[in-house]
Each structure stands twice: as C-alpha cells, then as structure tokens.
Amino acid sequence: MIEAYSFGNIRVDGKKYTSDIKILHGNVISNWWRKTGHEVDVDDVTDILDSGIEILVVGQGQPGLMKVSPALRNELEKRGIKLIEKPTAEAYKEFNRLFSEGKKVAGAFHLTC
C-alpha cells in the first residue's frame, strides 16, 4: 500500500502525494487539513471514527511534532479504537503491517514537521 515516505512526500500504490493524507478502507483521502496545524482533533477524523475501524495509526511527521488532542484520545478510548502514534517514517510501516494482516486500520499521516 504505502511504498515510500520522505519529508514532504509519500507514495501510495504508485501515486505520489505532497500534502498530508488519510487512508481509510484502503482509499487515500488527499489534502488532509486539520483545524489546528500540529494537532489532530475529533473533527479532523470524523470519517475515520465513524468507519468501524479498530486501529488508528497517526504519522506525526518526520520529527514527530504533530500530536493527538486529549479529546480525540478520549473519543478513541470510548469507541475502543487503539491508537498508534509514531513519526511518519515508522508509522507508515506499522500501518502497512496491520493492513497486510487484514486488520481494520486507518491512517492519518503528516508529511512534514
């Protein structure tokens, strides 16, 4: 699924993206923006929350600056969705592993800082 990542770029199924993306049910949602640049909140991932996933993998950017808000943490816990947060270079590999195992996983990937 995700073939490569470098600062500001990610390649998924042969297509290059240069802005943040979400992946839901194997489909890329490009040009993903958040209300607050380096924080992921509930409103930023409502499509993911309502999709029946079991795991959310968040790629925090190259140095890992993007964080998950306390409100989103609480919502994920309430819904029984496991959260995995890592710098994007590690997160995409974890996402690929889970996806290839057939897990109900979604990804939200910040490509820069």
C-alpha atoms as a PDB file:
ATOM      1  CA  MET A   1       0.000   0.000   0.000  1.00  0.00           C
ATOM      2  CA  ILE A   2       2.377   2.748   1.205  1.00  0.00           C
ATOM      3  CA  GLU A   3       5.544   2.303  -0.821  1.00  0.00           C
ATOM      4  CA  ALA A   4       7.773   5.111   0.399  1.00  0.00           C
ATOM      5  CA  TYR A   5       7.954   8.179   2.602  1.00  0.00           C
ATOM      6  CA  SER A   6      10.392  11.059   2.769  1.00  0.00           C
ATOM      7  CA  PHE A   7       9.991  14.564   4.176  1.00  0.00           C
ATOM      8  CA  GLY A   8       7.044  16.147   2.341  1.00  0.00           C
ATOM      9  CA  ASN A   9       6.347  13.131   0.102  1.00  0.00           C
ATOM     10  CA  ILE A  10       4.548   9.835   0.372  1.00  0.00           C
ATOM     11  CA  ARG A  11       3.898   7.273  -2.363  1.00  0.00           C
ATOM     12  CA  VAL A  12       0.830   5.060  -2.141  1.00  0.00           C
ATOM     13  CA  ASP A  13       0.067   2.448  -4.786  1.00  0.00           C
ATOM     14  CA  GLY A  14       2.334   4.212  -7.290  1.00  0.00           C
ATOM     15  CA  LYS A  15       0.904   7.698  -6.747  1.00  0.00           C
ATOM     16  CA  LYS A  16       2.941  10.464  -5.106  1.00  0.00           C
ATOM     17  CA  TYR A  17       1.323  12.838  -2.603  1.00  0.00           C
ATOM     18  CA  THR A  18       2.908  16.027  -1.323  1.00  0.00           C
ATOM     19  CA  SER A  19       0.308  17.013   1.261  1.00  0.00           C
ATOM     20  CA  ASP A  20      -0.983  15.201   4.320  1.00  0.00           C
ATOM     21  CA  ILE A  21      -3.228  12.195   3.713  1.00  0.00           C
ATOM     22  CA  LYS A  22      -5.625   9.874   5.433  1.00  0.00           C
ATOM     23  CA  ILE A  23      -6.131   6.257   4.386  1.00  0.00           C
ATOM     24  CA  LEU A  24      -9.482   4.672   5.098  1.00  0.00           C
ATOM     25  CA  HIS A  25     -10.557   1.221   3.879  1.00  0.00           C
ATOM     26  CA  GLY A  26      -7.583   1.202   1.518  1.00  0.00           C
ATOM     27  CA  ASN A  27      -8.564   4.516  -0.089  1.00  0.00           C
ATOM     28  CA  VAL A  28      -6.410   7.643   0.044  1.00  0.00           C
ATOM     29  CA  ILE A  29      -8.012  10.908   1.104  1.00  0.00           C
ATOM     30  CA  SER A  30      -5.541  13.558  -0.036  1.00  0.00           C
ATOM     31  CA  ASN A  31      -5.000  17.170   1.014  1.00  0.00           C
ATOM     32  CA  TRP A  32      -5.951  16.437   4.615  1.00  0.00           C
ATOM     33  CA  TRP A  33      -6.032  19.573   6.737  1.00  0.00           C
ATOM     34  CA  ARG A  34      -6.632  19.967  10.440  1.00  0.00           C
ATOM     35  CA  LYS A  35      -8.243  22.835  12.302  1.00  0.00           C
ATOM     36  CA  THR A  36      -5.015  23.244  14.261  1.00  0.00           C
ATOM     37  CA  GLY A  37      -1.906  22.520  12.206  1.00  0.00           C
ATOM     38  CA  HIS A  38       0.031  20.216  14.519  1.00  0.00           C
ATOM     39  CA  GLU A  39      -2.822  18.698  16.485  1.00  0.00           C
ATOM     40  CA  VAL A  40      -5.302  16.043  15.395  1.00  0.00           C
ATOM     41  CA  ASP A  41      -8.718  16.561  16.969  1.00  0.00           C
ATOM     42  CA  VAL A  42     -12.031  14.724  16.783  1.00  0.00           C
ATOM     43  CA  ASP A  43     -13.381  16.950  13.999  1.00  0.00           C
ATOM     44  CA  ASP A  44     -10.318  16.211  11.849  1.00  0.00           C
ATOM     45  CA  VAL A  45     -11.047  12.478  11.663  1.00  0.00           C
ATOM     46  CA  THR A  46     -14.822  12.077  11.985  1.00  0.00           C
ATOM     47  CA  ASP A  47     -14.861   9.985   8.810  1.00  0.00           C
ATOM     48  CA  ILE A  48     -12.370   7.607  10.374  1.00  0.00           C
ATOM     49  CA  LEU A  49     -14.176   7.489  13.711  1.00  0.00           C
ATOM     50  CA  ASP A  50     -17.460   6.569  12.027  1.00  0.00           C
ATOM     51  CA  SER A  51     -15.955   3.893   9.757  1.00  0.00           C
ATOM     52  CA  GLY A  52     -15.816   0.877  12.058  1.00  0.00           C
ATOM     53  CA  ILE A  53     -12.024   0.675  12.327  1.00  0.00           C
ATOM     54  CA  GLU A  54     -10.218  -0.989  15.220  1.00  0.00           C
ATOM     55  CA  ILE A  55      -6.866   0.804  14.950  1.00  0.00           C
ATOM     56  CA  LEU A  56      -5.813   4.340  14.021  1.00  0.00           C
ATOM     57  CA  VAL A  57      -2.186   4.884  13.046  1.00  0.00           C
ATOM     58  CA  VAL A  58      -1.092   8.519  13.214  1.00  0.00           C
ATOM     59  CA  GLY A  59       2.084   9.556  11.414  1.00  0.00           C
ATOM     60  CA  GLN A  60       3.315  12.562  13.374  1.00  0.00           C
ATOM     61  CA  GLY A  61       5.617  13.982  10.701  1.00  0.00           C
ATOM     62  CA  GLN A  62       9.341  13.451  10.309  1.00  0.00           C
ATOM     63  CA  PRO A  63      10.398  14.649  13.773  1.00  0.00           C
ATOM     64  CA  GLY A  64       7.073  13.717  15.372  1.00  0.00           C
ATOM     65  CA  LEU A  65       5.700  17.182  16.130  1.00  0.00           C
ATOM     66  CA  MET A  66       2.027  16.505  15.329  1.00  0.00           C
ATOM     67  CA  LYS A  67       0.093  15.346  18.393  1.00  0.00           C
ATOM     68  CA  VAL A  68      -3.294  13.811  19.093  1.00  0.00           C
ATOM     69  CA  SER A  69      -5.571  16.025  21.202  1.00  0.00           C
ATOM     70  CA  PRO A  70      -6.814  14.838  24.598  1.00  0.00           C
ATOM     71  CA  ALA A  71     -10.378  14.993  23.245  1.00  0.00           C
ATOM     72  CA  LEU A  72      -9.513  12.626  20.390  1.00  0.00           C
ATOM     73  CA  ARG A  73      -7.691  10.287  22.772  1.00  0.00           C
ATOM     74  CA  ASN A  74     -10.820  10.138  24.923  1.00  0.00           C
ATOM     75  CA  GLU A  75     -13.073   9.543  21.919  1.00  0.00           C
ATOM     76  CA  LEU A  76     -10.875   6.743  20.602  1.00  0.00           C
ATOM     77  CA  GLU A  77     -10.834   5.100  24.018  1.00  0.00           C
ATOM     78  CA  LYS A  78     -14.608   5.438  24.343  1.00  0.00           C
ATOM     79  CA  ARG A  79     -15.069   3.721  20.966  1.00  0.00           C
ATOM     80  CA  GLY A  80     -12.499   1.028  21.689  1.00  0.00           C
ATOM     81  CA  ILE A  81     -10.160   2.136  18.891  1.00  0.00           C
ATOM     82  CA  LYS A  82      -6.474   1.512  19.513  1.00  0.00           C
ATOM     83  CA  LEU A  83      -4.191   4.484  18.809  1.00  0.00           C
ATOM     84  CA  ILE A  84      -0.662   4.127  17.470  1.00  0.00           C
ATOM     85  CA  GLU A  85       1.371   7.345  17.193  1.00  0.00           C
ATOM     86  CA  LYS A  86       4.831   7.404  15.659  1.00  0.00           C
ATOM     87  CA  PRO A  87       6.954   9.617  13.424  1.00  0.00           C
ATOM     88  CA  THR A  88       5.675   9.083   9.874  1.00  0.00           C
ATOM     89  CA  ALA A  89       8.735   7.083   8.753  1.00  0.00           C
ATOM     90  CA  GLU A  90       7.849   4.458  11.381  1.00  0.00           C
ATOM     91  CA  ALA A  91       4.075   4.877  11.308  1.00  0.00           C
ATOM     92  CA  TYR A  92       3.647   4.024   7.637  1.00  0.00           C
ATOM     93  CA  LYS A  93       5.497   0.728   8.125  1.00  0.00           C
ATOM     94  CA  GLU A  94       3.276  -0.142  11.077  1.00  0.00           C
ATOM     95  CA  PHE A  95       0.204   0.782   9.015  1.00  0.00           C
ATOM     96  CA  ASN A  96       1.372  -1.439   6.147  1.00  0.00           C
ATOM     97  CA  ARG A  97       1.925  -4.375   8.501  1.00  0.00           C
ATOM     98  CA  LEU A  98      -1.522  -4.067  10.057  1.00  0.00           C
ATOM     99  CA  PHE A  99      -3.201  -3.526   6.684  1.00  0.00           C
ATOM    100  CA  SER A 100      -1.490  -6.593   5.196  1.00  0.00           C
ATOM    101  CA  GLU A 101      -2.670  -8.644   8.186  1.00  0.00           C
ATOM    102  CA  GLY A 102      -6.249  -7.681   7.328  1.00  0.00           C
ATOM    103  CA  LYS A 103      -6.773  -5.507  10.399  1.00  0.00           C
ATOM    104  CA  LYS A 104      -9.433  -2.794  10.336  1.00  0.00           C
ATOM    105  CA  VAL A 105      -6.887   0.014  10.308  1.00  0.00           C
ATOM    106  CA  ALA A 106      -6.951   3.637   9.177  1.00  0.00           C
ATOM    107  CA  GLY A 107      -4.049   6.022   8.848  1.00  0.00           C
ATOM    108  CA  ALA A 108      -3.564   9.751   9.206  1.00  0.00           C
ATOM    109  CA  PHE A 109      -0.170  10.912   8.002  1.00  0.00           C
ATOM    110  CA  HIS A 110       1.527  14.291   8.442  1.00  0.00           C
ATOM    111  CA  LEU A 111       4.321  14.540   5.864  1.00  0.00           C
ATOM    112  CA  THR A 112       6.499  17.373   7.111  1.00  0.00           C
ATOM    113  CA  CYS A 113       7.233  18.580  10.639  1.00  0.00           C
END
